[in-house]
């Protein structure tokens, strides 16, 4: 899980228990480790020397699993992004124990202060990671970015690269960044705006203690360098998606728009937070003007992200256009193969198309097989995320029993009503059969138990809001 930080380890004991409950692996078996050691020493043989290009990486300062490095040059009116992706396919042989274990895990699983990696550290954080301590094999996508921000693939090749610097979001200075990065990011944002898309990143939640010793969840907006770096991945993934569409195949990331019920709930929540939302204004337009530095608006952005039922993977289907609502375009995930299994196959397919114009053998079957594997990994991540948030919410609210809070009903089911607090990023369930979705209510905190990761609220009454007007 990446959305909750715990820099001082307040959740440490609860997280230790949670890891055991979910049976998250602590390591890899001896066979997998032996194969990883052998793979780490495998010399590149089919790679073009691009060590003269001044690649850099840009990630969280503490990261060591570096999937991407980049170099940008001017090409007439275009910007040419050379986007190097860790060449995981070079190291992992199909059918090997290392490969089978990656298929079992699906993704790297994140939690505050730790993770369960997709590959052993000797690969994911060393030999395959694009660290600046020597040459590394990579698949380099050369992506042209036009003046209107539209991207297209100019070439794909296996290369040897050497990163010049490991830049960190938190520490990088403007003078450290490649000079064309700002222009490229502006072009990508302009194209997003033209499509009606919005890439405003939801803030991370960080558990801290205030001056009184009480826990609080702070919302940390993404940093400017983080936003610019995300534009690079977006440009590459959009260009690969178009390459796949042109060749009538591939694996896509798809996401539906929030449905009418979700929009109605969001409108109620916006009013309770004091956020103006015109009746004729769509959700994307509202997102564009949210201020993630404002507590209420940042919390509302988190609600928006939760309102969708979630993205999924879908193989190419003739006659259907794969669509990702948040991106407002066809889209793939192909830039994080150290952390996501499916990305390895997206990269390999794009490489084959770039070289020969043909799909690799078995690609269609692989793309049909991957979605349920990735969905299972996503479900594990969701259970982990929910359990971590339950724990954090109980830690946050401990000692506040008896206090009242404004909330909105987000869903009603057989087990009661699900609510979202307005002034805190907390969701919960209350045992009430007399509520309906979008009701604005007040609730009282009855129990906050970090040991059991449990909070319990009871209904006090309706908030001072005419829900029918929203």
Protein backbone atom coordinates (compact mmCIF):
# COMPACT_ATOMS: atom_id res chain seq x y z
CA UNK A 1 0.00 0.00 0.00
CA UNK A 2 1.41 3.41 -0.95
CA UNK A 3 -1.34 5.73 0.26
CA UNK A 4 -0.47 5.67 3.97
CA UNK A 5 2.91 6.62 5.39
CA UNK A 6 4.03 5.77 8.91
CA UNK A 7 7.49 7.37 9.14
CA UNK A 8 7.87 6.94 12.91
CA UNK A 9 6.49 3.42 13.12
CA UNK A 10 3.42 4.08 15.24
CA UNK A 11 1.68 1.17 13.53
CA UNK A 12 4.61 -1.25 13.79
CA UNK A 13 3.12 -3.86 16.13
CA UNK A 14 -0.26 -3.90 14.41
CA UNK A 15 1.38 -4.23 11.01
CA UNK A 16 3.47 -7.17 12.22
CA UNK A 17 0.29 -8.99 13.26
CA UNK A 18 -1.44 -8.04 10.02
CA UNK A 19 1.37 -9.46 7.89
CA UNK A 20 1.01 -12.80 9.67
CA UNK A 21 -2.79 -12.77 9.36
CA UNK A 22 -2.67 -12.24 5.59
CA UNK A 23 0.12 -14.82 5.17
CA UNK A 24 2.34 -12.37 3.32
CA UNK A 25 5.64 -14.04 2.48
CA UNK A 26 8.75 -12.91 4.33
CA UNK A 27 11.10 -14.07 1.57
CA UNK A 28 11.68 -16.53 -1.27
CA UNK A 29 12.49 -20.22 -1.24
CA UNK A 30 15.98 -21.51 -1.97
CA UNK A 31 15.25 -22.51 -5.59
CA UNK A 32 13.93 -19.07 -6.47
CA UNK A 33 16.89 -17.38 -4.79
CA UNK A 34 19.36 -19.63 -6.62
CA UNK A 35 17.77 -18.77 -9.97
CA UNK A 36 17.77 -15.08 -9.08
CA UNK A 37 21.51 -15.24 -8.30
CA UNK A 38 22.20 -16.95 -11.62
CA UNK A 39 20.03 -14.45 -13.50
CA UNK A 40 21.71 -11.48 -11.83
CA UNK A 41 25.02 -12.58 -13.32
CA UNK A 42 23.66 -13.10 -16.84
CA UNK A 43 25.53 -10.74 -19.22
CA UNK A 44 23.47 -8.75 -21.73
CA UNK A 45 23.90 -10.07 -25.27
CA UNK A 46 21.19 -8.50 -27.40
CA UNK A 47 21.45 -4.90 -26.24
CA UNK A 48 22.56 -1.74 -28.04
CA UNK A 49 25.07 0.43 -26.20
CA UNK A 50 23.31 3.65 -25.12
CA UNK A 51 25.61 4.47 -22.22
CA UNK A 52 26.46 7.81 -23.86
CA UNK A 53 22.91 9.07 -23.27
CA UNK A 54 22.62 10.98 -19.97
CA UNK A 55 19.80 9.04 -18.32
CA UNK A 56 18.62 9.89 -14.79
CA UNK A 57 16.02 8.37 -12.47
CA UNK A 58 13.42 10.24 -10.42
CA UNK A 59 11.70 8.39 -7.57
CA UNK A 60 11.09 8.59 -3.83
CA UNK A 61 14.51 9.24 -2.33
CA UNK A 62 14.55 5.95 -0.42
CA UNK A 63 13.53 3.75 -3.38
CA UNK A 64 15.94 1.15 -4.71
CA UNK A 65 13.61 -0.74 -7.10
CA UNK A 66 14.01 1.70 -9.98
CA UNK A 67 11.91 0.71 -13.01
CA UNK A 68 12.44 3.80 -15.16
CA UNK A 69 15.16 6.18 -16.28
CA UNK A 70 14.78 8.96 -18.83
CA UNK A 71 16.60 11.22 -21.24
CA UNK A 72 14.89 13.96 -23.27
CA UNK A 73 16.09 15.70 -26.42
CA UNK A 74 14.64 18.19 -28.88
CA UNK A 75 13.62 16.78 -32.26
CA UNK A 76 12.36 19.71 -34.35
CA UNK A 77 9.01 20.72 -32.87
CA UNK A 78 8.75 17.45 -30.97
CA UNK A 79 10.37 16.39 -27.74
CA UNK A 80 11.89 12.91 -27.91
CA UNK A 81 11.60 11.02 -24.66
CA UNK A 82 13.97 8.09 -24.37
CA UNK A 83 12.30 6.11 -21.60
CA UNK A 84 14.34 3.21 -20.27
CA UNK A 85 12.39 0.43 -18.53
CA UNK A 86 14.08 -2.25 -16.43
CA UNK A 87 14.60 -5.27 -18.69
CA UNK A 88 13.01 -7.85 -16.39
CA UNK A 89 12.29 -10.13 -19.35
CA UNK A 90 16.03 -10.52 -19.90
CA UNK A 91 16.56 -11.85 -16.39
CA UNK A 92 13.43 -14.00 -15.88
CA UNK A 93 13.16 -17.10 -18.03
CA UNK A 94 9.63 -18.33 -18.87
CA UNK A 95 8.63 -21.37 -16.83
CA UNK A 96 11.45 -21.02 -14.30
CA UNK A 97 10.83 -21.15 -10.54
CA UNK A 98 11.51 -17.41 -10.49
CA UNK A 99 8.85 -16.88 -13.15
CA UNK A 100 6.32 -19.14 -11.41
CA UNK A 101 6.78 -17.28 -8.13
CA UNK A 102 6.18 -13.95 -9.89
CA UNK A 103 2.95 -15.35 -11.34
CA UNK A 104 1.93 -16.45 -7.84
CA UNK A 105 2.53 -13.00 -6.36
CA UNK A 106 1.35 -10.81 -9.25
CA UNK A 107 2.54 -7.53 -7.76
CA UNK A 108 4.69 -6.08 -5.04
CA UNK A 109 2.50 -5.53 -1.98
CA UNK A 110 3.07 -2.32 -0.01
CA UNK A 111 2.42 -1.38 3.58
CA UNK A 112 3.83 1.44 5.73
CA UNK A 113 7.49 0.75 6.43
CA UNK A 114 7.71 -2.41 4.35
CA UNK A 115 6.70 -4.40 1.32
CA UNK A 116 6.45 -7.91 -0.08
CA UNK A 117 8.40 -7.71 -3.36
CA UNK A 118 7.58 -9.35 -6.67
CA UNK A 119 11.21 -10.39 -7.21
CA UNK A 120 14.13 -11.07 -4.87
CA UNK A 121 16.14 -8.00 -3.89
CA UNK A 122 19.23 -9.18 -5.79
CA UNK A 123 17.21 -8.55 -8.96
CA UNK A 124 14.53 -6.03 -8.07
CA UNK A 125 16.81 -3.77 -6.06
CA UNK A 126 20.15 -4.50 -7.71
CA UNK A 127 20.91 -6.23 -11.02
CA UNK A 128 17.64 -5.30 -12.80
CA UNK A 129 17.12 -1.95 -11.04
CA UNK A 130 18.29 1.12 -12.97
CA UNK A 131 20.61 2.32 -10.24
CA UNK A 132 23.42 4.76 -11.05
CA UNK A 133 26.25 2.44 -9.94
CA UNK A 134 27.00 0.96 -13.36
CA UNK A 135 25.53 -0.10 -16.72
CA UNK A 136 22.17 -1.88 -16.72
CA UNK A 137 20.12 -3.67 -19.37
CA UNK A 138 16.91 -1.88 -20.27
CA UNK A 139 14.20 -1.70 -22.90
CA UNK A 140 14.27 1.86 -24.24
CA UNK A 141 11.09 3.36 -25.65
CA UNK A 142 11.70 6.39 -27.83
CA UNK A 143 8.49 8.40 -27.59
CA UNK A 144 7.87 11.57 -29.58
CA UNK A 145 5.82 14.22 -27.77
CA UNK A 146 4.23 16.70 -30.17
CA UNK A 147 3.57 20.33 -29.33
CA UNK A 148 -0.05 19.43 -28.47
CA UNK A 149 1.13 16.75 -26.02
CA UNK A 150 0.14 13.73 -28.09
CA UNK A 151 2.67 10.90 -27.92
CA UNK A 152 3.72 8.21 -30.38
CA UNK A 153 6.28 5.42 -30.45
CA UNK A 154 9.32 6.14 -32.60
CA UNK A 155 11.29 3.04 -31.66
CA UNK A 156 11.76 0.28 -29.07
CA UNK A 157 15.08 -1.46 -28.46
CA UNK A 158 17.00 -3.48 -25.92
CA UNK A 159 19.86 -1.29 -24.68
CA UNK A 160 22.59 -0.96 -22.15
CA UNK A 161 22.21 2.32 -20.27
CA UNK A 162 23.98 4.03 -17.40
CA UNK A 163 22.05 6.35 -15.12
CA UNK A 164 23.94 9.51 -14.25
CA UNK A 165 21.97 10.32 -11.10
CA UNK A 166 19.38 8.92 -8.70
CA UNK A 167 17.14 11.94 -8.06
CA UNK A 168 14.61 11.96 -5.21
CA UNK A 169 11.22 13.65 -5.21
CA UNK A 170 11.85 15.10 -1.77
CA UNK A 171 15.39 16.34 -2.36
CA UNK A 172 15.75 17.20 -6.04
CA UNK A 173 16.43 20.82 -6.97
CA UNK A 174 15.15 22.37 -10.20
CA UNK A 175 18.70 22.72 -11.50
CA UNK A 176 19.23 18.96 -11.08
CA UNK A 177 16.42 18.06 -13.48
CA UNK A 178 16.87 17.68 -17.25
CA UNK A 179 16.05 21.08 -18.74
CA UNK A 180 13.34 19.78 -21.09
CA UNK A 181 11.35 17.93 -18.40
CA UNK A 182 9.23 20.97 -17.53
CA UNK A 183 8.26 21.56 -21.18
CA UNK A 184 7.41 17.88 -21.66
CA UNK A 185 5.23 17.80 -18.53
CA UNK A 186 3.40 20.95 -19.64
CA UNK A 187 2.65 19.39 -23.02
CA UNK A 188 1.27 16.26 -21.38
CA UNK A 189 -0.94 18.32 -19.05
CA UNK A 190 -2.25 20.35 -21.99
CA UNK A 191 -3.18 17.14 -23.82
CA UNK A 192 -4.95 15.84 -20.72
CA UNK A 193 -6.94 19.04 -20.44
CA UNK A 194 -7.91 18.80 -24.11
CA UNK A 195 -9.16 15.24 -23.59
CA UNK A 196 -11.13 16.22 -20.51
CA UNK A 197 -8.93 14.04 -18.31
CA UNK A 198 -7.56 14.84 -14.90
CA UNK A 199 -4.41 13.40 -13.37
CA UNK A 200 -4.56 15.23 -10.06
CA UNK A 201 -2.85 12.82 -7.68
CA UNK A 202 -4.66 11.97 -4.46
CA UNK A 203 -2.62 13.01 -1.43
CA UNK A 204 -0.83 10.43 0.67
CA UNK A 205 -2.08 9.92 4.21
CA UNK A 206 0.62 10.22 6.86
CA UNK A 207 0.06 9.21 10.48
CA UNK A 208 1.67 11.68 12.92
CA UNK A 209 1.28 12.95 16.48
CA UNK A 210 0.31 16.54 17.15
CA UNK A 211 1.65 18.76 19.95
CA UNK A 212 -0.85 17.30 22.43
CA UNK A 213 0.31 13.75 21.75
CA UNK A 214 -2.86 12.84 19.83
CA UNK A 215 -2.52 10.91 16.58
CA UNK A 216 -3.67 12.57 13.41
CA UNK A 217 -3.76 11.67 9.72
CA UNK A 218 -2.09 14.39 7.69
CA UNK A 219 -2.63 14.63 3.94
CA UNK A 220 0.57 15.13 1.94
CA UNK A 221 0.04 16.37 -1.63
CA UNK A 222 2.27 14.97 -4.35
CA UNK A 223 5.38 17.02 -5.01
CA UNK A 224 5.98 18.94 -8.28
CA UNK A 225 8.80 16.60 -9.31
CA UNK A 226 6.51 13.64 -8.62
CA UNK A 227 3.83 15.09 -10.88
CA UNK A 228 6.31 15.78 -13.68
CA UNK A 229 7.70 12.26 -13.42
CA UNK A 230 4.18 10.80 -13.67
CA UNK A 231 3.81 12.62 -17.00
CA UNK A 232 6.67 10.56 -18.44
CA UNK A 233 5.00 7.25 -17.61
CA UNK A 234 1.67 8.52 -18.88
CA UNK A 235 3.16 9.57 -22.23
CA UNK A 236 4.86 6.20 -22.69
CA UNK A 237 1.82 4.16 -21.65
CA UNK A 238 -0.50 6.11 -23.96
CA UNK A 239 1.90 5.62 -26.87
CA UNK A 240 2.19 1.87 -26.22
CA UNK A 241 -1.60 1.62 -26.00
CA UNK A 242 -1.90 3.16 -29.46
CA UNK A 243 0.80 0.80 -30.77
CA UNK A 244 -1.25 -2.14 -29.48
CA UNK A 245 -4.48 -0.80 -30.98
CA UNK A 246 -2.77 -0.32 -34.34
CA UNK A 247 -1.77 -4.00 -34.24
CA UNK A 248 -5.14 -5.27 -32.93
CA UNK A 249 -3.97 -6.84 -29.70
CA UNK A 250 -2.49 -6.25 -26.28
CA UNK A 251 -3.44 -5.88 -22.64
CA UNK A 252 -5.08 -2.67 -21.45
CA UNK A 253 -5.86 -0.96 -18.18
CA UNK A 254 -9.55 0.01 -18.13
CA UNK A 255 -11.68 2.06 -15.74
CA UNK A 256 -15.34 3.03 -15.87
CA UNK A 257 -16.68 6.44 -14.85
CA UNK A 258 -18.19 6.68 -11.34
CA UNK A 259 -21.86 5.79 -11.68
CA UNK A 260 -24.81 8.10 -10.97
CA UNK A 261 -25.14 6.84 -7.38
CA UNK A 262 -21.49 7.59 -6.69
CA UNK A 263 -21.81 11.07 -8.19
CA UNK A 264 -24.85 11.77 -6.01
CA UNK A 265 -22.91 10.76 -2.89
CA UNK A 266 -19.98 12.93 -3.93
CA UNK A 267 -22.24 15.95 -4.43
CA UNK A 268 -23.57 15.58 -0.88
CA UNK A 269 -20.06 15.26 0.50
CA UNK A 270 -18.89 18.29 -1.48
CA UNK A 271 -21.65 20.43 0.01
CA UNK A 272 -20.87 19.25 3.53
CA UNK A 273 -17.23 20.17 2.98
CA UNK A 274 -18.16 23.62 1.64
CA UNK A 275 -16.93 22.81 -1.88
CA UNK A 276 -18.97 24.54 -4.58
CA UNK A 277 -19.91 22.19 -7.43
CA UNK A 278 -22.17 23.57 -10.14
CA UNK A 279 -24.98 21.40 -11.45
CA UNK A 280 -23.59 21.61 -15.00
CA UNK A 281 -19.96 21.01 -13.98
CA UNK A 282 -18.64 17.52 -14.56
CA UNK A 283 -16.39 15.67 -12.15
CA UNK A 284 -13.19 16.13 -14.19
CA UNK A 285 -13.69 19.89 -14.27
CA UNK A 286 -14.23 19.96 -10.51
CA UNK A 287 -11.06 17.93 -9.91
CA UNK A 288 -9.01 20.39 -11.95
CA UNK A 289 -9.73 23.18 -9.50
CA UNK A 290 -9.36 21.25 -6.24
CA UNK A 291 -6.57 22.46 -3.97
CA UNK A 292 -4.82 19.43 -2.49
CA UNK A 293 -3.19 21.74 0.05
CA UNK A 294 -6.63 22.35 1.57
CA UNK A 295 -7.63 19.66 4.09
CA UNK A 296 -11.29 19.45 3.03
CA UNK A 297 -10.51 19.44 -0.69
CA UNK A 298 -7.68 16.92 -0.33
CA UNK A 299 -9.97 14.66 1.67
CA UNK A 300 -12.64 15.04 -1.00
CA UNK A 301 -10.14 14.00 -3.67
CA UNK A 302 -9.55 10.79 -1.73
CA UNK A 303 -13.33 10.23 -1.76
CA UNK A 304 -13.39 10.69 -5.53
CA UNK A 305 -10.69 8.06 -5.95
CA UNK A 306 -12.69 5.64 -3.80
CA UNK A 307 -15.93 6.35 -5.70
CA UNK A 308 -14.86 4.30 -8.71
CA UNK A 309 -15.15 0.53 -8.47
CA UNK A 310 -11.50 0.30 -9.48
CA UNK A 311 -9.43 -0.22 -12.60
CA UNK A 312 -8.88 -3.64 -14.12
CA UNK A 313 -7.02 -5.37 -16.94
CA UNK A 314 -8.65 -6.31 -20.23
CA UNK A 315 -7.17 -8.00 -23.32
CA UNK A 316 -7.82 -6.60 -26.76
CA UNK A 317 -11.31 -7.46 -28.05
CA UNK A 318 -12.19 -6.79 -31.68
CA UNK A 319 -14.89 -4.15 -32.03
CA UNK A 320 -14.37 -2.73 -28.53
CA UNK A 321 -12.32 0.33 -27.65
CA UNK A 322 -10.45 -0.15 -24.36
CA UNK A 323 -11.05 2.91 -22.20
CA UNK A 324 -9.69 4.34 -18.97
CA UNK A 325 -12.03 7.03 -17.71
CA UNK A 326 -9.52 8.88 -15.52
CA UNK A 327 -7.06 9.13 -18.41
CA UNK A 328 -9.83 9.66 -20.99
CA UNK A 329 -7.96 7.47 -23.45
CA UNK A 330 -6.85 3.93 -24.16
CA UNK A 331 -4.09 3.13 -21.70
CA UNK A 332 -1.71 0.37 -20.63
CA UNK A 333 0.49 -0.36 -17.65
CA UNK A 334 3.97 -1.06 -18.97
CA UNK A 335 6.45 1.04 -17.05
CA UNK A 336 6.84 -0.82 -13.73
CA UNK A 337 7.89 -4.43 -14.48
CA UNK A 338 9.86 -4.73 -11.23
CA UNK A 339 6.59 -4.26 -9.33
CA UNK A 340 3.84 -5.58 -11.63
CA UNK A 341 3.92 -8.92 -13.42
CA UNK A 342 1.76 -7.79 -16.36
CA UNK A 343 4.13 -4.94 -17.22
CA UNK A 344 6.87 -7.43 -18.14
CA UNK A 345 4.66 -8.90 -20.88
CA UNK A 346 3.50 -5.49 -22.10
CA UNK A 347 7.15 -4.45 -22.48
CA UNK A 348 8.08 -7.68 -24.30
CA UNK A 349 5.12 -7.33 -26.68
CA UNK A 350 5.95 -3.69 -27.47
CA UNK A 351 9.58 -4.66 -28.06
CA UNK A 352 8.55 -7.36 -30.54
CA UNK A 353 6.19 -5.01 -32.37
CA UNK A 354 8.85 -2.31 -32.50
CA UNK A 355 11.39 -4.72 -33.95
CA UNK A 356 9.34 -6.88 -36.30
CA UNK A 357 5.79 -5.52 -36.39
CA UNK A 358 4.59 -8.91 -35.12
CA UNK A 359 3.30 -10.15 -31.79
CA UNK A 360 5.54 -12.52 -29.83
CA UNK A 361 4.48 -16.16 -29.82
CA UNK A 362 1.70 -16.84 -27.33
CA UNK A 363 1.04 -13.17 -26.59
CA UNK A 364 -2.73 -13.36 -27.08
CA UNK A 365 -3.06 -16.33 -24.70
CA UNK A 366 -0.81 -14.66 -22.12
CA UNK A 367 -2.92 -11.51 -22.23
CA UNK A 368 -6.07 -13.58 -21.69
CA UNK A 369 -4.44 -15.36 -18.73
CA UNK A 370 -3.03 -12.33 -16.93
CA UNK A 371 -6.21 -10.42 -15.89
CA UNK A 372 -7.41 -12.94 -13.25
CA UNK A 373 -3.87 -13.23 -11.87
CA UNK A 374 -3.60 -9.46 -11.56
CA UNK A 375 -7.11 -9.24 -10.12
CA UNK A 376 -6.20 -11.71 -7.39
CA UNK A 377 -3.14 -9.65 -6.53
CA UNK A 378 -5.32 -6.53 -6.54
CA UNK A 379 -7.75 -8.15 -4.13
CA UNK A 380 -4.89 -8.99 -1.78
CA UNK A 381 -3.72 -5.39 -2.01
CA UNK A 382 -7.26 -4.17 -1.28
CA UNK A 383 -7.56 -6.39 1.80
CA UNK A 384 -4.16 -5.19 2.97
CA UNK A 385 -5.04 -1.55 2.32
CA UNK A 386 -8.37 -1.85 4.12
CA UNK A 387 -6.80 -3.57 7.12
CA UNK A 388 -4.02 -0.97 7.33
CA UNK A 389 -6.57 1.84 7.14
CA UNK A 390 -8.74 0.17 9.78
CA UNK A 391 -5.70 0.02 12.03
CA UNK A 392 -4.71 3.62 11.30
CA UNK A 393 -8.24 4.88 11.86
CA UNK A 394 -8.45 3.09 15.22
CA UNK A 395 -5.08 4.56 16.26
CA UNK A 396 -6.21 7.99 15.05
CA UNK A 397 -9.51 7.93 16.94
CA UNK A 398 -8.40 6.24 20.17
CA UNK A 399 -9.22 8.54 23.07
CA UNK A 400 -11.95 10.41 21.19
CA UNK A 401 -14.79 8.10 22.21
CA UNK A 402 -17.97 10.10 22.82
CA UNK A 403 -17.16 12.79 20.23
CA UNK A 404 -19.61 13.53 17.41
CA UNK A 405 -18.73 13.82 13.72
CA UNK A 406 -20.48 14.89 10.51
CA UNK A 407 -20.71 12.11 7.90
CA UNK A 408 -22.37 11.14 4.65
CA UNK A 409 -23.88 7.72 3.87
CA UNK A 410 -22.02 6.18 0.92
CA UNK A 411 -23.77 2.80 0.71
CA UNK A 412 -26.54 0.85 2.39
CA UNK A 413 -26.51 -2.94 2.60
CA UNK A 414 -27.78 -5.87 4.60
CA UNK A 415 -25.23 -5.22 7.35
CA UNK A 416 -26.04 -1.54 7.75
CA UNK A 417 -24.91 1.78 6.30
CA UNK A 418 -21.39 2.69 5.23
CA UNK A 419 -20.36 6.24 6.01
CA UNK A 420 -17.55 8.68 5.24
CA UNK A 421 -16.60 11.24 7.89
CA UNK A 422 -16.39 14.76 6.56
CA UNK A 423 -13.58 16.21 8.66
CA UNK A 424 -11.36 13.10 8.82
CA UNK A 425 -10.36 10.57 6.12
CA UNK A 426 -12.28 7.79 7.92
CA UNK A 427 -14.88 5.34 6.61
CA UNK A 428 -16.98 3.08 8.81
CA UNK A 429 -20.18 1.04 9.03
CA UNK A 430 -23.08 1.78 11.37
CA UNK A 431 -25.95 -0.55 12.25
CA UNK A 432 -28.92 1.42 11.02
CA UNK A 433 -31.72 0.30 8.66
CA UNK A 434 -33.38 3.68 8.39
CA UNK A 435 -30.76 5.47 6.29
CA UNK A 436 -30.41 5.83 2.55
CA UNK A 437 -27.48 6.64 0.31
CA UNK A 438 -26.42 10.32 0.27
CA UNK A 439 -28.01 11.03 3.68
CA UNK A 440 -26.07 13.66 5.63
CA UNK A 441 -25.87 12.59 9.26
CA UNK A 442 -24.08 13.06 12.57
CA UNK A 443 -22.52 10.07 14.33
CA UNK A 444 -20.90 9.45 17.72
CA UNK A 445 -17.70 7.44 18.16
CA UNK A 446 -18.36 4.61 20.62
CA UNK A 447 -15.29 2.38 20.23
CA UNK A 448 -11.75 2.85 18.91
CA UNK A 449 -9.66 -0.29 19.47
CA UNK A 450 -6.27 -0.46 17.67
CA UNK A 451 -5.64 -3.99 18.98
CA UNK A 452 -8.68 -5.28 17.06
CA UNK A 453 -8.44 -2.69 14.25
CA UNK A 454 -12.00 -1.71 15.13
CA UNK A 455 -14.00 1.50 15.27
CA UNK A 456 -17.71 1.72 16.02
CA UNK A 457 -20.06 4.65 15.54
CA UNK A 458 -23.73 5.16 16.36
CA UNK A 459 -26.24 7.48 14.73
CA UNK A 460 -26.99 10.77 16.51
CA UNK A 461 -29.21 12.44 13.91
CA UNK A 462 -29.38 14.21 10.57
CA UNK A 463 -26.89 16.93 9.72
CA UNK A 464 -28.11 20.41 8.86
CA UNK A 465 -28.21 19.80 5.14
CA UNK A 466 -31.01 19.31 2.64
CA UNK A 467 -29.73 16.21 0.85
CA UNK A 468 -32.49 16.39 -1.75
CA UNK A 469 -31.09 19.64 -3.09
CA UNK A 470 -27.77 18.10 -4.09
